[in-house]
């Protein structure tokens, strides 16, 4: 089970909020990237990206009329 930091709603999916999260990076050991729960998302495409030993899953998603991307780091090998 994945632990989430908070639930996001459609009205919270604004570029200002999402790009503001980049200010807290870089993420890694000692600075974990936040994880959010977004319900009723339609996944329109998936891509596996990254190095052979540490692939990531990039999901192209849609919620209502909003389109966005979701990164699942280290989940591309599963």
Protein backbone atom coordinates (compact mmCIF):
# COMPACT_ATOMS: atom_id res chain seq x y z
CA UNK A 1 0.00 0.00 0.00
CA UNK A 2 1.24 3.47 -0.86
CA UNK A 3 1.09 6.13 1.82
CA UNK A 4 -0.20 9.45 0.49
CA UNK A 5 0.53 12.87 1.90
CA UNK A 6 -2.85 14.38 0.98
CA UNK A 7 -5.83 14.05 -1.33
CA UNK A 8 -6.13 16.49 -4.23
CA UNK A 9 -9.41 17.60 -5.79
CA UNK A 10 -10.01 18.75 -9.37
CA UNK A 11 -10.09 22.44 -8.41
CA UNK A 12 -6.63 22.07 -6.84
CA UNK A 13 -5.00 20.82 -10.05
CA UNK A 14 -3.71 24.19 -11.16
CA UNK A 15 -0.33 24.80 -12.76
CA UNK A 16 0.64 27.26 -10.00
CA UNK A 17 0.18 24.61 -7.30
CA UNK A 18 1.94 21.86 -9.22
CA UNK A 19 4.84 24.00 -10.41
CA UNK A 20 5.19 25.41 -6.88
CA UNK A 21 6.06 21.91 -5.68
CA UNK A 22 9.22 22.04 -7.81
CA UNK A 23 10.59 24.70 -5.45
CA UNK A 24 10.89 22.04 -2.74
CA UNK A 25 13.17 19.86 -4.89
CA UNK A 26 15.45 18.29 -5.70
CA UNK A 27 13.82 15.19 -4.31
CA UNK A 28 15.73 12.14 -3.20
CA UNK A 29 17.12 10.56 -0.06
CA UNK A 30 16.27 12.84 2.84
CA UNK A 31 13.77 14.87 0.80
CA UNK A 32 10.98 12.54 -0.29
CA UNK A 33 8.78 13.64 -3.16
CA UNK A 34 5.18 14.20 -1.98
CA UNK A 35 2.58 11.62 -2.97
CA UNK A 36 -1.02 12.59 -3.66
CA UNK A 37 -4.30 10.75 -4.05
CA UNK A 38 -6.47 11.87 -6.96
CA UNK A 39 -9.67 9.87 -7.38
CA UNK A 40 -11.58 9.08 -10.59
CA UNK A 41 -8.62 9.76 -12.88
CA UNK A 42 -8.66 8.44 -16.43
CA UNK A 43 -5.21 7.18 -17.52
CA UNK A 44 -4.91 7.90 -21.24
CA UNK A 45 -1.34 6.68 -21.84
CA UNK A 46 1.58 5.14 -19.99
CA UNK A 47 5.30 5.43 -20.73
CA UNK A 48 8.25 3.65 -19.13
CA UNK A 49 11.23 5.98 -18.90
CA UNK A 50 14.66 6.01 -17.29
CA UNK A 51 17.68 3.77 -16.90
CA UNK A 52 17.52 0.01 -17.21
CA UNK A 53 17.97 -0.67 -13.50
CA UNK A 54 15.71 2.16 -12.26
CA UNK A 55 12.81 2.72 -14.64
CA UNK A 56 9.97 5.13 -13.91
CA UNK A 57 6.33 5.05 -14.93
CA UNK A 58 4.96 8.21 -16.53
CA UNK A 59 1.17 8.30 -16.67
CA UNK A 60 -0.76 10.72 -18.86
CA UNK A 61 -4.00 11.40 -17.03
CA UNK A 62 -7.24 13.30 -17.33
CA UNK A 63 -9.75 14.39 -14.70
CA UNK A 64 -12.71 16.24 -16.16
CA UNK A 65 -11.25 18.68 -18.70
CA UNK A 66 -7.86 18.86 -16.94
CA UNK A 67 -4.92 16.89 -18.36
CA UNK A 68 -1.76 16.25 -16.39
CA UNK A 69 1.10 13.79 -15.92
CA UNK A 70 1.84 11.53 -12.97
CA UNK A 71 5.31 10.17 -12.23
CA UNK A 72 5.72 6.89 -10.37
CA UNK A 73 9.45 6.76 -9.65
CA UNK A 74 10.95 3.30 -9.57
CA UNK A 75 7.68 1.65 -10.68
CA UNK A 76 8.59 1.05 -14.33
CA UNK A 77 10.07 -2.38 -13.65
CA UNK A 78 6.93 -3.77 -11.97
